[in-house]
C-alpha atoms as a PDB file:
ATOM      1  CA  MET A   1     -14.425  10.183 102.355  1.00  0.00           C
ATOM      2  CA  THR A   2     -14.079   6.925 104.274  1.00  0.00           C
ATOM      3  CA  GLN A   3     -12.050   7.261 107.437  1.00  0.00           C
ATOM      4  CA  SER A   4      -9.145   4.830 107.797  1.00  0.00           C
ATOM      5  CA  PHE A   5      -8.177   3.165 111.050  1.00  0.00           C
ATOM      6  CA  THR A   6      -4.827   3.324 112.741  1.00  0.00           C
ATOM      7  CA  PRO A   7      -3.787   1.741 116.041  1.00  0.00           C
ATOM      8  CA  THR A   8      -4.347   5.149 117.646  1.00  0.00           C
ATOM      9  CA  THR A   9      -7.928   5.645 116.421  1.00  0.00           C
ATOM     10  CA  ALA A  10      -8.723   2.035 117.404  1.00  0.00           C
ATOM     11  CA  ARG A  11      -8.153   2.599 121.126  1.00  0.00           C
ATOM     12  CA  SER A  12     -10.651   0.882 123.389  1.00  0.00           C
ATOM     13  CA  THR A  13     -13.255   2.495 125.586  1.00  0.00           C
ATOM     14  CA  PRO A  14     -14.000   1.043 129.037  1.00  0.00           C
ATOM     15  CA  SER A  15     -16.986  -0.790 127.583  1.00  0.00           C
ATOM     16  CA  ALA A  16     -14.736  -2.303 124.912  1.00  0.00           C
ATOM     17  CA  VAL A  17     -12.608  -3.814 127.676  1.00  0.00           C
ATOM     18  CA  TRP A  18     -15.684  -5.648 128.942  1.00  0.00           C
ATOM     19  CA  ILE A  19     -16.426  -6.808 125.422  1.00  0.00           C
ATOM     20  CA  GLY A  20     -12.833  -8.005 125.160  1.00  0.00           C
ATOM     21  CA  LEU A  21     -13.243  -9.946 128.397  1.00  0.00           C
ATOM     22  CA  GLY A  22     -16.481 -11.376 126.998  1.00  0.00           C
ATOM     23  CA  ALA A  23     -14.674 -12.545 123.859  1.00  0.00           C
ATOM     24  CA  ILE A  24     -12.018 -14.286 125.954  1.00  0.00           C
ATOM     25  CA  ALA A  25     -14.678 -15.827 128.201  1.00  0.00           C
ATOM     26  CA  LEU A  26     -16.578 -17.198 125.206  1.00  0.00           C
ATOM     27  CA  GLY A  27     -13.394 -18.442 123.558  1.00  0.00           C
ATOM     28  CA  VAL A  28     -12.521 -20.432 126.661  1.00  0.00           C
ATOM     29  CA  GLY A  29     -16.046 -21.113 127.866  1.00  0.00           C
ATOM     30  CA  PHE A  30     -17.598 -22.915 124.911  1.00  0.00           C
ATOM     31  CA  ASN A  31     -14.857 -25.531 125.160  1.00  0.00           C
ATOM     32  CA  ALA A  32     -16.032 -26.575 128.656  1.00  0.00           C
ATOM     33  CA  PRO A  33     -19.397 -28.083 127.597  1.00  0.00           C
ATOM     34  CA  TYR A  34     -17.721 -29.459 124.469  1.00  0.00           C
ATOM     35  CA  ALA A  35     -15.217 -31.312 126.646  1.00  0.00           C
ATOM     36  CA  ALA A  36     -18.021 -32.540 128.915  1.00  0.00           C
ATOM     37  CA  LEU A  37     -19.922 -33.873 125.906  1.00  0.00           C
ATOM     38  CA  ALA A  38     -16.799 -35.660 124.684  1.00  0.00           C
ATOM     39  CA  VAL A  39     -16.548 -37.433 128.040  1.00  0.00           C
ATOM     40  CA  LEU A  40     -20.246 -38.066 128.671  1.00  0.00           C
ATOM     41  CA  TYR A  41     -21.409 -38.791 125.125  1.00  0.00           C
ATOM     42  CA  ASP A  42     -18.370 -39.498 122.945  1.00  0.00           C
ATOM     43  CA  TYR A  43     -19.168 -36.293 121.031  1.00  0.00           C
ATOM     44  CA  PRO A  44     -18.788 -35.648 118.109  1.00  0.00           C
ATOM     45  CA  GLN A  45     -18.030 -39.256 117.078  1.00  0.00           C
ATOM     46  CA  VAL A  46     -21.414 -40.338 118.445  1.00  0.00           C
ATOM     47  CA  LEU A  47     -23.116 -38.472 115.594  1.00  0.00           C
ATOM     48  CA  ARG A  48     -21.725 -41.065 113.173  1.00  0.00           C
ATOM     49  CA  ARG A  49     -23.096 -44.006 115.159  1.00  0.00           C
ATOM     50  CA  PRO A  50     -26.408 -45.767 114.413  1.00  0.00           C
ATOM     51  CA  PRO A  51     -29.410 -43.914 115.943  1.00  0.00           C
ATOM     52  CA  GLY A  52     -30.134 -46.766 118.345  1.00  0.00           C
ATOM     53  CA  GLU A  53     -26.662 -46.623 119.876  1.00  0.00           C
ATOM     54  CA  ALA A  54     -26.761 -42.839 120.124  1.00  0.00           C
ATOM     55  CA  LEU A  55     -30.125 -42.952 121.918  1.00  0.00           C
ATOM     56  CA  ASP A  56     -28.903 -45.623 124.363  1.00  0.00           C
ATOM     57  CA  LEU A  57     -25.851 -43.511 125.177  1.00  0.00           C
ATOM     58  CA  PHE A  58     -28.099 -40.483 125.648  1.00  0.00           C
ATOM     59  CA  VAL A  59     -30.237 -42.342 128.202  1.00  0.00           C
ATOM     60  CA  ALA A  60     -27.083 -43.485 130.011  1.00  0.00           C
ATOM     61  CA  GLY A  61     -25.837 -39.887 130.211  1.00  0.00           C
ATOM     62  CA  GLY A  62     -28.865 -38.767 132.205  1.00  0.00           C
ATOM     63  CA  ALA A  63     -29.325 -35.245 133.556  1.00  0.00           C
ATOM     64  CA  PRO A  64     -25.607 -34.272 133.409  1.00  0.00           C
ATOM     65  CA  LEU A  65     -25.619 -34.875 129.665  1.00  0.00           C
ATOM     66  CA  ILE A  66     -28.723 -32.751 129.110  1.00  0.00           C
ATOM     67  CA  LEU A  67     -27.220 -29.944 131.205  1.00  0.00           C
ATOM     68  CA  ALA A  68     -24.014 -30.131 129.163  1.00  0.00           C
ATOM     69  CA  TRP A  69     -26.037 -29.719 125.964  1.00  0.00           C
ATOM     70  CA  TYR A  70     -27.905 -26.816 127.573  1.00  0.00           C
ATOM     71  CA  ALA A  71     -24.626 -25.102 128.452  1.00  0.00           C
ATOM     72  CA  PHE A  72     -23.394 -25.653 124.899  1.00  0.00           C
ATOM     73  CA  MET A  73     -26.588 -24.071 123.572  1.00  0.00           C
ATOM     74  CA  LEU A  74     -26.152 -21.052 125.865  1.00  0.00           C
ATOM     75  CA  SER A  75     -22.574 -20.587 124.672  1.00  0.00           C
ATOM     76  CA  ALA A  76     -23.883 -20.358 121.113  1.00  0.00           C
ATOM     77  CA  LEU A  77     -26.488 -17.801 122.178  1.00  0.00           C
ATOM     78  CA  ALA A  78     -23.755 -15.755 123.856  1.00  0.00           C
ATOM     79  CA  LEU A  79     -22.379 -15.018 120.400  1.00  0.00           C
ATOM     80  CA  VAL A  80     -25.501 -12.965 119.581  1.00  0.00           C
ATOM     81  CA  PRO A  81     -24.747  -9.966 121.863  1.00  0.00           C
ATOM     82  CA  LEU A  82     -20.989 -10.448 121.571  1.00  0.00           C
ATOM     83  CA  ALA A  83     -21.116 -10.170 117.768  1.00  0.00           C
ATOM     84  CA  ALA A  84     -22.935  -6.849 118.076  1.00  0.00           C
ATOM     85  CA  GLY A  85     -20.501  -5.573 120.695  1.00  0.00           C
ATOM     86  CA  LEU A  86     -17.447  -6.529 118.646  1.00  0.00           C
ATOM     87  CA  SER A  87     -18.760  -5.175 115.352  1.00  0.00           C
ATOM     88  CA  ILE A  88     -20.773  -2.069 116.179  1.00  0.00           C
ATOM     89  CA  THR A  89     -18.386   0.562 117.506  1.00  0.00           C
ATOM     90  CA  SER A  90     -18.329   4.278 116.777  1.00  0.00           C
ATOM     91  CA  GLY A  91     -15.003   3.996 114.973  1.00  0.00           C
ATOM     92  CA  ARG A  92     -16.030   1.082 112.805  1.00  0.00           C
ATOM     93  CA  LEU A  93     -19.383   2.638 111.979  1.00  0.00           C
ATOM     94  CA  ALA A  94     -17.589   5.804 110.911  1.00  0.00           C
ATOM     95  CA  ALA A  95     -14.967   4.028 108.814  1.00  0.00           C
ATOM     96  CA  ARG A  96     -16.760   0.996 107.308  1.00  0.00           C
ATOM     97  CA  PRO A  97     -20.413   1.064 108.368  1.00  0.00           C
ATOM     98  CA  ALA A  98     -21.710  -1.550 105.918  1.00  0.00           C
ATOM     99  CA  LEU A  99     -19.059  -4.078 106.911  1.00  0.00           C
ATOM    100  CA  ALA A 100     -19.568  -3.446 110.631  1.00  0.00           C
ATOM    101  CA  ILE A 101     -23.350  -3.834 110.440  1.00  0.00           C
ATOM    102  CA  SER A 102     -23.095  -6.899 108.213  1.00  0.00           C
ATOM    103  CA  ALA A 103     -20.641  -8.550 110.607  1.00  0.00           C
ATOM    104  CA  ALA A 104     -22.981  -7.909 113.536  1.00  0.00           C
ATOM    105  CA  ILE A 105     -25.956  -9.394 111.690  1.00  0.00           C
ATOM    106  CA  CYS A 106     -24.050 -12.464 110.498  1.00  0.00           C
ATOM    107  CA  GLY A 107     -22.607 -13.079 113.967  1.00  0.00           C
ATOM    108  CA  ALA A 108     -26.001 -12.783 115.655  1.00  0.00           C
ATOM    109  CA  LEU A 109     -27.593 -15.124 113.116  1.00  0.00           C
ATOM    110  CA  ALA A 110     -24.696 -17.567 113.507  1.00  0.00           C
ATOM    111  CA  GLY A 111     -25.222 -17.766 117.259  1.00  0.00           C
ATOM    112  CA  LEU A 112     -28.988 -18.069 116.887  1.00  0.00           C
ATOM    113  CA  THR A 113     -28.955 -20.804 114.249  1.00  0.00           C
ATOM    114  CA  GLN A 114     -26.374 -22.850 116.125  1.00  0.00           C
ATOM    115  CA  ALA A 115     -28.377 -22.495 119.342  1.00  0.00           C
ATOM    116  CA  ILE A 116     -31.525 -23.653 117.526  1.00  0.00           C
ATOM    117  CA  GLY A 117     -29.675 -26.693 116.232  1.00  0.00           C
ATOM    118  CA  LEU A 118     -28.275 -27.532 119.671  1.00  0.00           C
ATOM    119  CA  SER A 119     -31.621 -27.042 121.407  1.00  0.00           C
ATOM    120  CA  ARG A 120     -32.882 -30.336 119.977  1.00  0.00           C
ATOM    121  CA  TRP A 121     -30.645 -32.171 122.441  1.00  0.00           C
ATOM    122  CA  VAL A 122     -32.326 -30.419 125.367  1.00  0.00           C
ATOM    123  CA  PHE A 123     -35.992 -30.318 124.369  1.00  0.00           C
ATOM    124  CA  ALA A 124     -36.583 -33.022 121.743  1.00  0.00           C
ATOM    125  CA  ILE A 125     -34.031 -35.842 121.998  1.00  0.00           C
ATOM    126  CA  PRO A 126     -34.915 -36.689 125.656  1.00  0.00           C
ATOM    127  CA  MET A 127     -38.463 -37.509 124.561  1.00  0.00           C
ATOM    128  CA  LEU A 128     -37.204 -39.739 121.760  1.00  0.00           C
ATOM    129  CA  ALA A 129     -34.725 -41.469 124.063  1.00  0.00           C
ATOM    130  CA  HIS A 130     -37.576 -42.680 126.286  1.00  0.00           C
ATOM    131  CA  ASP A 131     -40.085 -43.376 123.522  1.00  0.00           C
ATOM    132  CA  THR A 132     -41.400 -46.941 123.628  1.00  0.00           C
ATOM    133  CA  ASP A 133     -41.751 -46.981 119.841  1.00  0.00           C
ATOM    134  CA  ARG A 134     -38.081 -47.679 119.250  1.00  0.00           C
ATOM    135  CA  ALA A 135     -38.203 -47.822 115.463  1.00  0.00           C
ATOM    136  CA  GLY A 136     -40.125 -44.552 115.241  1.00  0.00           C
ATOM    137  CA  ALA A 137     -37.795 -42.908 117.764  1.00  0.00           C
ATOM    138  CA  GLU A 138     -34.720 -43.893 115.775  1.00  0.00           C
ATOM    139  CA  GLN A 139     -36.217 -42.561 112.553  1.00  0.00           C
ATOM    140  CA  SER A 140     -37.201 -39.272 114.214  1.00  0.00           C
ATOM    141  CA  PHE A 141     -33.735 -39.022 115.770  1.00  0.00           C
ATOM    142  CA  ALA A 142     -32.096 -39.389 112.354  1.00  0.00           C
ATOM    143  CA  LEU A 143     -34.397 -36.761 110.830  1.00  0.00           C
ATOM    144  CA  LEU A 144     -33.816 -34.303 113.691  1.00  0.00           C
ATOM    145  CA  ASN A 145     -30.068 -34.654 113.341  1.00  0.00           C
ATOM    146  CA  ALA A 146     -30.207 -34.229 109.570  1.00  0.00           C
ATOM    147  CA  TRP A 147     -32.401 -31.122 109.746  1.00  0.00           C
ATOM    148  CA  GLY A 148     -31.716 -29.444 113.079  1.00  0.00           C
ATOM    149  CA  GLY A 149     -28.117 -30.557 113.354  1.00  0.00           C
ATOM    150  CA  VAL A 150     -26.510 -30.915 109.935  1.00  0.00           C
ATOM    151  CA  ALA A 151     -28.627 -28.399 107.995  1.00  0.00           C
ATOM    152  CA  ILE A 152     -29.382 -25.647 110.517  1.00  0.00           C
ATOM    153  CA  GLY A 153     -26.704 -25.879 113.189  1.00  0.00           C
ATOM    154  CA  GLU A 154     -23.680 -27.183 111.339  1.00  0.00           C
ATOM    155  CA  HIS A 155     -24.170 -25.927 107.780  1.00  0.00           C
ATOM    156  CA  LEU A 156     -26.075 -22.638 108.100  1.00  0.00           C
ATOM    157  CA  GLY A 157     -24.709 -21.784 111.537  1.00  0.00           C
ATOM    158  CA  GLN A 158     -21.148 -22.571 110.568  1.00  0.00           C
ATOM    159  CA  GLY A 159     -21.495 -20.734 107.264  1.00  0.00           C
ATOM    160  CA  LEU A 160     -22.756 -17.620 109.030  1.00  0.00           C
ATOM    161  CA  THR A 161     -19.874 -17.922 111.495  1.00  0.00           C
ATOM    162  CA  VAL A 162     -17.503 -17.881 108.531  1.00  0.00           C
ATOM    163  CA  LEU A 163     -19.063 -14.639 107.262  1.00  0.00           C
ATOM    164  CA  PHE A 164     -18.960 -13.045 110.713  1.00  0.00           C
ATOM    165  CA  VAL A 165     -15.329 -13.923 111.422  1.00  0.00           C
ATOM    166  CA  ALA A 166     -14.151 -13.012 107.910  1.00  0.00           C
ATOM    167  CA  GLN A 167     -15.805  -9.577 108.037  1.00  0.00           C
ATOM    168  CA  LEU A 168     -14.575  -8.797 111.533  1.00  0.00           C
ATOM    169  CA  ALA A 169     -11.090  -9.945 110.542  1.00  0.00           C
ATOM    170  CA  ALA A 170     -11.236  -7.495 107.635  1.00  0.00           C
ATOM    171  CA  LEU A 171     -12.091  -4.719 110.084  1.00  0.00           C
ATOM    172  CA  GLN A 172      -9.245  -5.786 112.344  1.00  0.00           C
ATOM    173  CA  TRP A 173      -6.810  -5.767 109.437  1.00  0.00           C
ATOM    174  CA  GLY A 174      -7.793  -2.183 108.641  1.00  0.00           C
ATOM    175  CA  GLU A 175      -7.060  -1.296 112.262  1.00  0.00           C
ATOM    176  CA  ALA A 176      -3.556  -2.836 112.022  1.00  0.00           C
ATOM    177  CA  ARG A 177      -4.504  -5.644 114.420  1.00  0.00           C
ATOM    178  CA  ARG A 178      -2.506  -8.107 112.360  1.00  0.00           C
ATOM    179  CA  ILE A 179      -2.417 -11.082 114.754  1.00  0.00           C
ATOM    180  CA  SER A 180      -6.159 -11.229 115.418  1.00  0.00           C
ATOM    181  CA  ALA A 181      -6.930 -10.465 111.773  1.00  0.00           C
ATOM    182  CA  SER A 182      -4.683 -13.293 110.562  1.00  0.00           C
ATOM    183  CA  LEU A 183      -6.182 -15.744 113.048  1.00  0.00           C
ATOM    184  CA  GLY A 184      -9.639 -14.664 111.924  1.00  0.00           C
ATOM    185  CA  GLY A 185      -8.761 -15.268 108.278  1.00  0.00           C
ATOM    186  CA  LEU A 186      -7.410 -18.733 109.099  1.00  0.00           C
ATOM    187  CA  THR A 187     -10.518 -19.519 111.147  1.00  0.00           C
ATOM    188  CA  ALA A 188     -12.838 -18.480 108.318  1.00  0.00           C
ATOM    189  CA  ILE A 189     -10.964 -20.602 105.764  1.00  0.00           C
ATOM    190  CA  LEU A 190     -10.959 -23.736 107.938  1.00  0.00           C
ATOM    191  CA  LEU A 191     -14.629 -23.422 108.882  1.00  0.00           C
ATOM    192  CA  ALA A 192     -15.615 -22.683 105.283  1.00  0.00           C
ATOM    193  CA  ILE A 193     -13.978 -25.899 104.119  1.00  0.00           C
ATOM    194  CA  GLY A 194     -15.647 -27.739 106.985  1.00  0.00           C
ATOM    195  CA  THR A 195     -19.115 -26.759 105.772  1.00  0.00           C
ATOM    196  CA  GLY A 196     -18.553 -29.143 102.879  1.00  0.00           C
ATOM    197  CA  GLU A 197     -19.291 -32.071 105.210  1.00  0.00           C
ATOM    198  CA  ALA A 198     -23.040 -31.412 105.205  1.00  0.00           C
ATOM    199  CA  LEU A 199     -23.176 -31.270 101.423  1.00  0.00           C
ATOM    200  CA  ALA A 200     -21.065 -34.428 101.153  1.00  0.00           C
ATOM    201  CA  LEU A 201     -23.467 -36.279 103.449  1.00  0.00           C
ATOM    202  CA  ALA A 202     -26.449 -35.023 101.456  1.00  0.00           C
ATOM    203  CA  LEU A 203     -24.838 -36.450  98.330  1.00  0.00           C
ATOM    204  CA  GLY A 204     -24.231 -39.768 100.052  1.00  0.00           C
ATOM    205  CA  ARG A 205     -20.463 -39.263 100.227  1.00  0.00           C
ATOM    206  CA  GLU A 206     -17.951 -39.602 103.039  1.00  0.00           C
ATOM    207  CA  GLY A 207     -17.533 -36.302 104.897  1.00  0.00           C
ATOM    208  CA  SER A 208     -14.973 -37.178 107.564  1.00  0.00           C
ATOM    209  CA  VAL A 209     -12.204 -35.165 105.884  1.00  0.00           C
ATOM    210  CA  PHE A 210     -14.332 -32.019 106.059  1.00  0.00           C
ATOM    211  CA  ALA A 211     -15.065 -32.753 109.727  1.00  0.00           C
ATOM    212  CA  LEU A 212     -11.342 -32.479 110.483  1.00  0.00           C
ATOM    213  CA  PHE A 213     -11.323 -28.948 109.061  1.00  0.00           C
ATOM    214  CA  THR A 214     -14.307 -28.079 111.255  1.00  0.00           C
ATOM    215  CA  VAL A 215     -12.521 -29.289 114.385  1.00  0.00           C
ATOM    216  CA  ALA A 216      -9.414 -27.306 113.421  1.00  0.00           C
ATOM    217  CA  GLY A 217     -11.604 -24.309 112.592  1.00  0.00           C
ATOM    218  CA  PHE A 218     -13.209 -24.196 116.022  1.00  0.00           C
ATOM    219  CA  ALA A 219      -9.794 -24.550 117.651  1.00  0.00           C
ATOM    220  CA  ALA A 220      -8.700 -21.541 115.578  1.00  0.00           C
ATOM    221  CA  LEU A 221     -11.919 -19.756 116.589  1.00  0.00           C
ATOM    222  CA  THR A 222     -10.919 -20.165 120.226  1.00  0.00           C
ATOM    223  CA  ALA A 223      -7.512 -18.609 119.524  1.00  0.00           C
ATOM    224  CA  TRP A 224      -9.104 -15.799 117.492  1.00  0.00           C
ATOM    225  CA  LEU A 225     -11.617 -14.883 120.198  1.00  0.00           C
ATOM    226  CA  ILE A 226      -8.871 -14.785 122.808  1.00  0.00           C
ATOM    227  CA  ALA A 227      -6.590 -12.704 120.559  1.00  0.00           C
ATOM    228  CA  THR A 228      -9.474 -10.354 119.765  1.00  0.00           C
ATOM    229  CA  GLY A 229     -10.263  -9.885 123.427  1.00  0.00           C
ATOM    230  CA  LEU A 230      -6.627  -9.265 124.323  1.00  0.00           C
ATOM    231  CA  SER A 231      -6.249  -6.693 121.544  1.00  0.00           C
ATOM    232  CA  LEU A 232      -9.171  -4.710 122.950  1.00  0.00           C
ATOM    233  CA  ILE A 233      -7.801  -4.837 126.494  1.00  0.00           C
ATOM    234  CA  ARG A 234      -4.275  -3.905 125.388  1.00  0.00           C
ATOM    235  CA  ALA A 235      -5.563  -0.989 123.324  1.00  0.00           C
ATOM    236  CA  ARG A 236      -7.234   0.377 126.431  1.00  0.00           C
ATOM    237  CA  ALA A 237      -4.050  -0.076 128.467  1.00  0.00           C
END
């Protein structure tokens, strides 16, 4: 028979407190490079500019801009171990093992795919920005953004994030963690709608409405990570 969770059986271990602190750190931390990119590179609006303008702005940003992208990439990679730590616990494996394992896998893949998409700004775009063949550089820039950014990072990565958050929210709901579970459900819905932007662009349509849901979704993700971390720390207390 499947074991059900109650607030009592969901008490945290000391290691869970560290995982909770990690969730809060990631929830706050990934916004720091995002804010830096908004200041240094007019991100994410710059992605809708012509390739030539985006490359000129990239050159103007210099080393601080590349380091900001690198920090953003690392914040995505941080989701890989955090997803495993949040999902794979003895209680969750005993009660709903398939859901716990699936959440861990989806979360790890979400962090990995988003990091792969972001890595283009650190290891590929700098070469294009200083390429003397301007026309070729602009074409390669557009292709990299369409494949590495829109397809891998934004669409697949965001879609996997939806699956991770939705499954972990379901686990939280079963543990009577209503606030974090509700925030997780809201986050998953907003990000799921936001994934429609990539498909709209592929069809040659305007995707700015979907982009608004993505922005709201990542704001909700911040709140969910913080609430999740606090719930683990409070359970221990």
